[in-house]
């Protein structure tokens, strides 16, 4: 799906959702969620292309796969967290959205421990 199709889907969904809110608000929310999922799923192929390119560069640069995979996991958690939080906000559940964002931040901190450890090791080696 290219950007024009994504934008068209978004605009059509927004118009239909606005109309449905007057008569069947529960369908308006479901329509928005489905459109968001369709867009997200249609982009998964692009994510795979990007990952393959980045993996190729990581191998060429001789970057430790542990660090590379950790960074990719962090990026994935950030995207998924944002997507889930926005769906909750669309549903009028800002409090749940905030909890999802908090959980994403905690998971990012936990997954990034190997990077922190490596950084602290470097700092300790530099210090007299």
N, C-alpha and C. Protein backbone atom coordinates (compact mmCIF):
# COMPACT_ATOMS: atom_id res chain seq x y z
N UNK A 1 0.85 -1.17 0.00
CA UNK A 1 0.00 0.00 0.00
C UNK A 1 0.90 1.24 0.00
N UNK A 2 0.69 2.13 -0.95
CA UNK A 2 1.51 3.34 -1.00
C UNK A 2 0.85 4.46 -0.18
N UNK A 3 1.53 5.57 -0.06
CA UNK A 3 1.07 6.66 0.80
C UNK A 3 -0.27 7.23 0.33
N UNK A 4 -0.49 7.29 -0.97
CA UNK A 4 -1.76 7.81 -1.46
C UNK A 4 -2.92 6.91 -1.03
N UNK A 5 -2.73 5.61 -1.08
CA UNK A 5 -3.76 4.68 -0.65
C UNK A 5 -4.00 4.78 0.87
N UNK A 6 -2.92 4.93 1.60
CA UNK A 6 -3.03 5.06 3.05
C UNK A 6 -3.79 6.33 3.42
N UNK A 7 -3.43 7.43 2.79
CA UNK A 7 -4.10 8.70 3.06
C UNK A 7 -5.58 8.62 2.65
N UNK A 8 -5.83 8.02 1.49
CA UNK A 8 -7.21 7.88 1.03
C UNK A 8 -8.02 7.04 2.02
N UNK A 9 -7.46 5.92 2.45
CA UNK A 9 -8.13 5.08 3.44
C UNK A 9 -8.39 5.87 4.72
N UNK A 10 -7.41 6.64 5.16
CA UNK A 10 -7.57 7.44 6.36
C UNK A 10 -8.67 8.49 6.23
N UNK A 11 -8.69 9.18 5.12
CA UNK A 11 -9.69 10.22 4.91
C UNK A 11 -11.09 9.61 4.79
N UNK A 12 -11.22 8.55 4.02
CA UNK A 12 -12.52 7.89 3.87
C UNK A 12 -13.01 7.37 5.22
N UNK A 13 -12.10 6.76 5.97
CA UNK A 13 -12.47 6.26 7.29
C UNK A 13 -12.90 7.39 8.21
N UNK A 14 -12.18 8.51 8.17
CA UNK A 14 -12.54 9.65 9.01
C UNK A 14 -13.93 10.18 8.66
N UNK A 15 -14.22 10.27 7.38
CA UNK A 15 -15.53 10.77 6.95
C UNK A 15 -16.63 9.80 7.39
N UNK A 16 -16.42 8.51 7.11
CA UNK A 16 -17.42 7.51 7.50
C UNK A 16 -17.60 7.46 9.02
N UNK A 17 -16.49 7.55 9.73
CA UNK A 17 -16.55 7.52 11.19
C UNK A 17 -17.32 8.71 11.74
N UNK A 18 -17.11 9.87 11.14
CA UNK A 18 -17.84 11.07 11.57
C UNK A 18 -19.33 10.91 11.35
N UNK A 19 -19.70 10.33 10.23
CA UNK A 19 -21.11 10.11 9.93
C UNK A 19 -21.69 9.06 10.88
N UNK A 20 -20.94 7.98 11.09
CA UNK A 20 -21.43 6.90 11.94
C UNK A 20 -21.57 7.32 13.40
N UNK A 21 -20.74 8.26 13.85
CA UNK A 21 -20.80 8.69 15.25
C UNK A 21 -22.17 9.22 15.62
N UNK A 22 -22.86 9.81 14.66
CA UNK A 22 -24.19 10.35 14.94
C UNK A 22 -25.23 9.25 15.15
N UNK A 23 -25.10 8.16 14.41
CA UNK A 23 -26.13 7.13 14.42
C UNK A 23 -25.72 5.87 15.18
N UNK A 24 -24.49 5.44 15.00
CA UNK A 24 -23.99 4.21 15.63
C UNK A 24 -22.56 4.42 16.10
N UNK A 25 -22.37 5.10 17.23
CA UNK A 25 -21.02 5.41 17.70
C UNK A 25 -20.14 4.18 17.92
N UNK A 26 -20.75 3.05 18.31
CA UNK A 26 -19.95 1.84 18.54
C UNK A 26 -19.33 1.33 17.23
N UNK A 27 -20.01 1.54 16.11
CA UNK A 27 -19.45 1.14 14.82
C UNK A 27 -18.37 2.11 14.35
N UNK A 28 -18.50 3.36 14.71
CA UNK A 28 -17.50 4.35 14.33
C UNK A 28 -16.14 3.99 14.92
N UNK A 29 -16.13 3.61 16.18
CA UNK A 29 -14.88 3.23 16.84
C UNK A 29 -14.31 1.96 16.21
N UNK A 30 -15.15 0.98 15.96
CA UNK A 30 -14.69 -0.26 15.34
C UNK A 30 -14.12 -0.01 13.95
N UNK A 31 -14.76 0.86 13.20
CA UNK A 31 -14.26 1.21 11.87
C UNK A 31 -12.88 1.85 11.96
N UNK A 32 -12.69 2.74 12.90
CA UNK A 32 -11.39 3.40 13.08
C UNK A 32 -10.31 2.40 13.45
N UNK A 33 -10.65 1.47 14.34
CA UNK A 33 -9.67 0.46 14.76
C UNK A 33 -9.31 -0.44 13.59
N UNK A 34 -10.29 -0.87 12.84
CA UNK A 34 -10.03 -1.74 11.68
C UNK A 34 -9.15 -1.02 10.65
N UNK A 35 -9.47 0.24 10.37
CA UNK A 35 -8.66 1.00 9.41
C UNK A 35 -7.22 1.12 9.90
N UNK A 36 -7.06 1.39 11.18
CA UNK A 36 -5.71 1.48 11.74
C UNK A 36 -4.96 0.17 11.62
N UNK A 37 -5.65 -0.93 11.89
CA UNK A 37 -5.00 -2.24 11.76
C UNK A 37 -4.65 -2.56 10.31
N UNK A 38 -5.52 -2.21 9.39
CA UNK A 38 -5.23 -2.43 7.97
C UNK A 38 -3.98 -1.66 7.56
N UNK A 39 -3.89 -0.41 7.98
CA UNK A 39 -2.71 0.39 7.66
C UNK A 39 -1.47 -0.22 8.29
N UNK A 40 -1.56 -0.59 9.56
CA UNK A 40 -0.42 -1.17 10.27
C UNK A 40 0.05 -2.46 9.60
N UNK A 41 -0.88 -3.35 9.31
CA UNK A 41 -0.54 -4.63 8.69
C UNK A 41 0.03 -4.43 7.29
N UNK A 42 -0.50 -3.45 6.55
CA UNK A 42 0.01 -3.21 5.21
C UNK A 42 1.45 -2.71 5.23
N UNK A 43 1.87 -2.14 6.34
CA UNK A 43 3.23 -1.62 6.44
C UNK A 43 4.24 -2.65 6.95
N UNK A 44 3.77 -3.78 7.43
CA UNK A 44 4.68 -4.79 7.96
C UNK A 44 5.71 -5.25 6.93
N UNK A 45 5.30 -5.36 5.68
CA UNK A 45 6.24 -5.73 4.63
C UNK A 45 7.37 -4.72 4.48
N UNK A 46 7.02 -3.46 4.63
CA UNK A 46 8.04 -2.40 4.57
C UNK A 46 9.02 -2.52 5.73
N UNK A 47 8.50 -2.87 6.90
CA UNK A 47 9.37 -3.05 8.06
C UNK A 47 10.39 -4.15 7.78
N UNK A 48 9.94 -5.24 7.16
CA UNK A 48 10.85 -6.33 6.85
C UNK A 48 11.93 -5.88 5.87
N UNK A 49 11.56 -5.08 4.88
CA UNK A 49 12.56 -4.56 3.94
C UNK A 49 13.59 -3.70 4.66
N UNK A 50 13.12 -2.84 5.52
CA UNK A 50 14.01 -1.96 6.28
C UNK A 50 14.94 -2.78 7.16
N UNK A 51 14.39 -3.79 7.83
CA UNK A 51 15.21 -4.64 8.70
C UNK A 51 16.31 -5.34 7.93
N UNK A 52 15.99 -5.83 6.75
CA UNK A 52 17.01 -6.52 5.95
C UNK A 52 18.15 -5.58 5.57
N UNK A 53 17.80 -4.37 5.18
CA UNK A 53 18.84 -3.39 4.83
C UNK A 53 19.69 -3.06 6.05
N UNK A 54 19.04 -2.82 7.17
CA UNK A 54 19.78 -2.49 8.39
C UNK A 54 20.66 -3.65 8.86
N UNK A 55 20.16 -4.88 8.73
CA UNK A 55 20.96 -6.04 9.10
C UNK A 55 22.21 -6.12 8.23
N UNK A 56 22.06 -5.84 6.94
CA UNK A 56 23.21 -5.86 6.03
C UNK A 56 24.26 -4.84 6.45
N UNK A 57 23.83 -3.65 6.81
CA UNK A 57 24.78 -2.64 7.27
C UNK A 57 25.40 -3.01 8.60
N UNK A 58 24.63 -3.62 9.47
CA UNK A 58 25.16 -4.04 10.77
C UNK A 58 26.26 -5.08 10.59
N UNK A 59 26.05 -6.00 9.66
CA UNK A 59 27.07 -7.02 9.39
C UNK A 59 28.32 -6.37 8.81
N UNK A 60 28.14 -5.46 7.85
CA UNK A 60 29.28 -4.77 7.24
C UNK A 60 30.06 -3.96 8.27
N UNK A 61 29.34 -3.34 9.20
CA UNK A 61 29.99 -2.50 10.22
C UNK A 61 30.49 -3.33 11.40
N UNK A 62 30.23 -4.64 11.35
CA UNK A 62 30.65 -5.56 12.41
C UNK A 62 30.09 -5.13 13.77
N UNK A 63 28.83 -4.76 13.76
CA UNK A 63 28.14 -4.39 15.01
C UNK A 63 27.67 -5.68 15.67
N UNK A 64 27.90 -5.78 16.96
CA UNK A 64 27.47 -6.95 17.73
C UNK A 64 25.96 -7.13 17.55
N UNK A 65 25.56 -8.34 17.19
CA UNK A 65 24.14 -8.62 16.92
C UNK A 65 23.28 -8.38 18.14
N UNK A 66 23.83 -8.55 19.34
CA UNK A 66 23.08 -8.29 20.57
C UNK A 66 22.63 -6.84 20.63
N UNK A 67 23.54 -5.91 20.31
CA UNK A 67 23.19 -4.49 20.35
C UNK A 67 22.22 -4.14 19.23
N UNK A 68 22.48 -4.69 18.07
CA UNK A 68 21.61 -4.41 16.92
C UNK A 68 20.19 -4.91 17.17
N UNK A 69 20.06 -6.13 17.64
CA UNK A 69 18.72 -6.68 17.89
C UNK A 69 18.03 -5.93 19.02
N UNK A 70 18.79 -5.49 20.01
CA UNK A 70 18.21 -4.72 21.11
C UNK A 70 17.64 -3.41 20.60
N UNK A 71 18.37 -2.73 19.74
CA UNK A 71 17.89 -1.46 19.19
C UNK A 71 16.63 -1.69 18.36
N UNK A 72 16.60 -2.76 17.58
CA UNK A 72 15.41 -3.05 16.78
C UNK A 72 14.20 -3.37 17.67
N UNK A 73 14.43 -4.09 18.76
CA UNK A 73 13.34 -4.39 19.69
C UNK A 73 12.80 -3.11 20.32
N UNK A 74 13.71 -2.22 20.69
CA UNK A 74 13.29 -0.94 21.28
C UNK A 74 12.42 -0.15 20.30
N UNK A 75 12.85 -0.10 19.05
CA UNK A 75 12.08 0.62 18.03
C UNK A 75 10.71 -0.04 17.85
N UNK A 76 10.69 -1.38 17.81
CA UNK A 76 9.43 -2.10 17.66
C UNK A 76 8.48 -1.84 18.82
N UNK A 77 9.00 -1.89 20.04
CA UNK A 77 8.17 -1.61 21.21
C UNK A 77 7.61 -0.20 21.14
N UNK A 78 8.44 0.76 20.73
CA UNK A 78 7.99 2.15 20.65
C UNK A 78 6.85 2.30 19.65
N UNK A 79 6.98 1.69 18.47
CA UNK A 79 5.93 1.78 17.46
C UNK A 79 4.64 1.11 17.93
N UNK A 80 4.75 -0.09 18.46
CA UNK A 80 3.57 -0.83 18.90
C UNK A 80 2.89 -0.11 20.06
N UNK A 81 3.69 0.41 20.98
CA UNK A 81 3.14 1.16 22.11
C UNK A 81 2.38 2.38 21.63
N UNK A 82 2.97 3.12 20.71
CA UNK A 82 2.30 4.32 20.19
C UNK A 82 1.00 3.95 19.50
N UNK A 83 1.02 2.89 18.71
CA UNK A 83 -0.17 2.44 17.99
C UNK A 83 -1.28 2.07 18.97
N UNK A 84 -0.96 1.28 19.98
CA UNK A 84 -1.95 0.87 20.97
C UNK A 84 -2.48 2.05 21.77
N UNK A 85 -1.60 2.96 22.15
CA UNK A 85 -2.03 4.12 22.92
C UNK A 85 -2.96 5.02 22.10
N UNK A 86 -2.66 5.17 20.83
CA UNK A 86 -3.52 6.00 19.98
C UNK A 86 -4.91 5.38 19.80
N UNK A 87 -4.96 4.06 19.69
CA UNK A 87 -6.27 3.40 19.59
C UNK A 87 -7.07 3.66 20.86
N UNK A 88 -6.41 3.56 22.01
CA UNK A 88 -7.11 3.83 23.27
C UNK A 88 -7.57 5.28 23.35
N UNK A 89 -6.76 6.21 22.89
CA UNK A 89 -7.16 7.62 22.89
C UNK A 89 -8.35 7.85 21.96
N UNK A 90 -8.33 7.18 20.80
CA UNK A 90 -9.46 7.29 19.87
C UNK A 90 -10.74 6.79 20.53
N UNK A 91 -10.62 5.80 21.40
CA UNK A 91 -11.78 5.25 22.10
C UNK A 91 -12.15 6.09 23.32
N UNK A 92 -11.41 7.17 23.56
CA UNK A 92 -11.70 8.03 24.70
C UNK A 92 -11.12 7.51 26.00
N UNK A 93 -10.17 6.60 25.92
CA UNK A 93 -9.55 6.00 27.10
C UNK A 93 -8.12 6.51 27.27
N UNK A 94 -8.00 7.80 27.56
CA UNK A 94 -6.68 8.41 27.73
C UNK A 94 -5.90 7.82 28.88
N UNK A 95 -6.59 7.41 29.94
CA UNK A 95 -5.93 6.82 31.10
C UNK A 95 -5.26 5.50 30.73
N UNK A 96 -5.97 4.66 29.99
CA UNK A 96 -5.39 3.39 29.56
C UNK A 96 -4.24 3.65 28.60
N UNK A 97 -4.37 4.63 27.73
CA UNK A 97 -3.30 4.98 26.80
C UNK A 97 -2.04 5.35 27.56
N UNK A 98 -2.20 6.11 28.63
CA UNK A 98 -1.04 6.50 29.45
C UNK A 98 -0.39 5.28 30.08
N UNK A 99 -1.19 4.32 30.51
CA UNK A 99 -0.63 3.10 31.11
C UNK A 99 0.13 2.27 30.07
N UNK A 100 -0.40 2.22 28.86
CA UNK A 100 0.29 1.51 27.79
C UNK A 100 1.63 2.18 27.51
N UNK A 101 1.65 3.50 27.45
CA UNK A 101 2.90 4.23 27.21
C UNK A 101 3.89 3.98 28.34
N UNK A 102 3.41 3.97 29.57
CA UNK A 102 4.29 3.69 30.71
C UNK A 102 4.89 2.29 30.60
N UNK A 103 4.02 1.31 30.27
CA UNK A 103 4.51 -0.07 30.12
C UNK A 103 5.55 -0.16 29.01
N UNK A 104 5.33 0.55 27.91
CA UNK A 104 6.31 0.56 26.82
C UNK A 104 7.65 1.11 27.28
N UNK A 105 7.62 2.18 28.05
CA UNK A 105 8.86 2.78 28.55
C UNK A 105 9.60 1.82 29.48
N UNK A 106 8.87 1.15 30.35
CA UNK A 106 9.49 0.19 31.27
C UNK A 106 10.12 -0.96 30.48
N UNK A 107 9.38 -1.48 29.49
CA UNK A 107 9.92 -2.58 28.68
C UNK A 107 11.16 -2.15 27.90
N UNK A 108 11.15 -0.93 27.39
CA UNK A 108 12.32 -0.42 26.68
C UNK A 108 13.52 -0.35 27.62
N UNK A 109 13.29 0.15 28.83
CA UNK A 109 14.39 0.21 29.81
C UNK A 109 14.92 -1.19 30.11
N UNK A 110 14.02 -2.15 30.27
CA UNK A 110 14.43 -3.52 30.60
C UNK A 110 15.21 -4.16 29.46
N UNK A 111 14.73 -3.98 28.25
CA UNK A 111 15.39 -4.61 27.09
C UNK A 111 16.74 -3.97 26.81
N UNK A 112 16.89 -2.70 27.15
CA UNK A 112 18.14 -1.99 26.85
C UNK A 112 19.24 -2.23 27.87
N UNK A 113 19.02 -3.08 28.86
CA UNK A 113 20.02 -3.35 29.89
C UNK A 113 21.38 -3.76 29.30
N UNK A 114 21.44 -4.62 28.29
CA UNK A 114 22.76 -4.97 27.74
C UNK A 114 23.52 -3.75 27.19
N UNK A 115 22.80 -2.81 26.64
CA UNK A 115 23.45 -1.61 26.12
C UNK A 115 23.96 -0.76 27.27
N UNK A 116 23.15 -0.63 28.32
CA UNK A 116 23.60 0.13 29.50
C UNK A 116 24.84 -0.52 30.10
N UNK A 117 24.82 -1.84 30.21
CA UNK A 117 25.95 -2.56 30.80
C UNK A 117 27.22 -2.33 29.99
N UNK A 118 27.11 -2.40 28.67
CA UNK A 118 28.27 -2.18 27.82
C UNK A 118 28.78 -0.74 27.96
N UNK A 119 27.86 0.19 28.03
CA UNK A 119 28.24 1.60 28.19
C UNK A 119 28.95 1.82 29.52
N UNK A 120 28.42 1.24 30.60
CA UNK A 120 29.07 1.39 31.90
C UNK A 120 30.44 0.71 31.91
N UNK A 121 30.57 -0.42 31.23
CA UNK A 121 31.88 -1.07 31.13
C UNK A 121 32.89 -0.16 30.45
N UNK A 122 32.48 0.50 29.39
CA UNK A 122 33.38 1.43 28.68
C UNK A 122 33.76 2.58 29.60
N UNK A 123 32.78 3.13 30.30
CA UNK A 123 33.05 4.25 31.21
C UNK A 123 34.02 3.82 32.30
N UNK A 124 33.83 2.62 32.86
CA UNK A 124 34.71 2.14 33.92
C UNK A 124 36.14 1.91 33.41
N UNK A 125 36.28 1.50 32.16
CA UNK A 125 37.61 1.30 31.59
C UNK A 125 38.32 2.63 31.36
N UNK A 126 37.57 3.65 31.05
CA UNK A 126 38.14 4.98 30.78
C UNK A 126 38.56 5.66 32.08
N UNK A 127 37.76 5.45 33.12
CA UNK A 127 38.03 6.11 34.40
C UNK A 127 39.32 5.56 35.02
N UNK A 128 40.13 6.47 35.66
CA UNK A 128 41.38 5.99 36.29
C UNK A 128 41.17 5.17 37.53
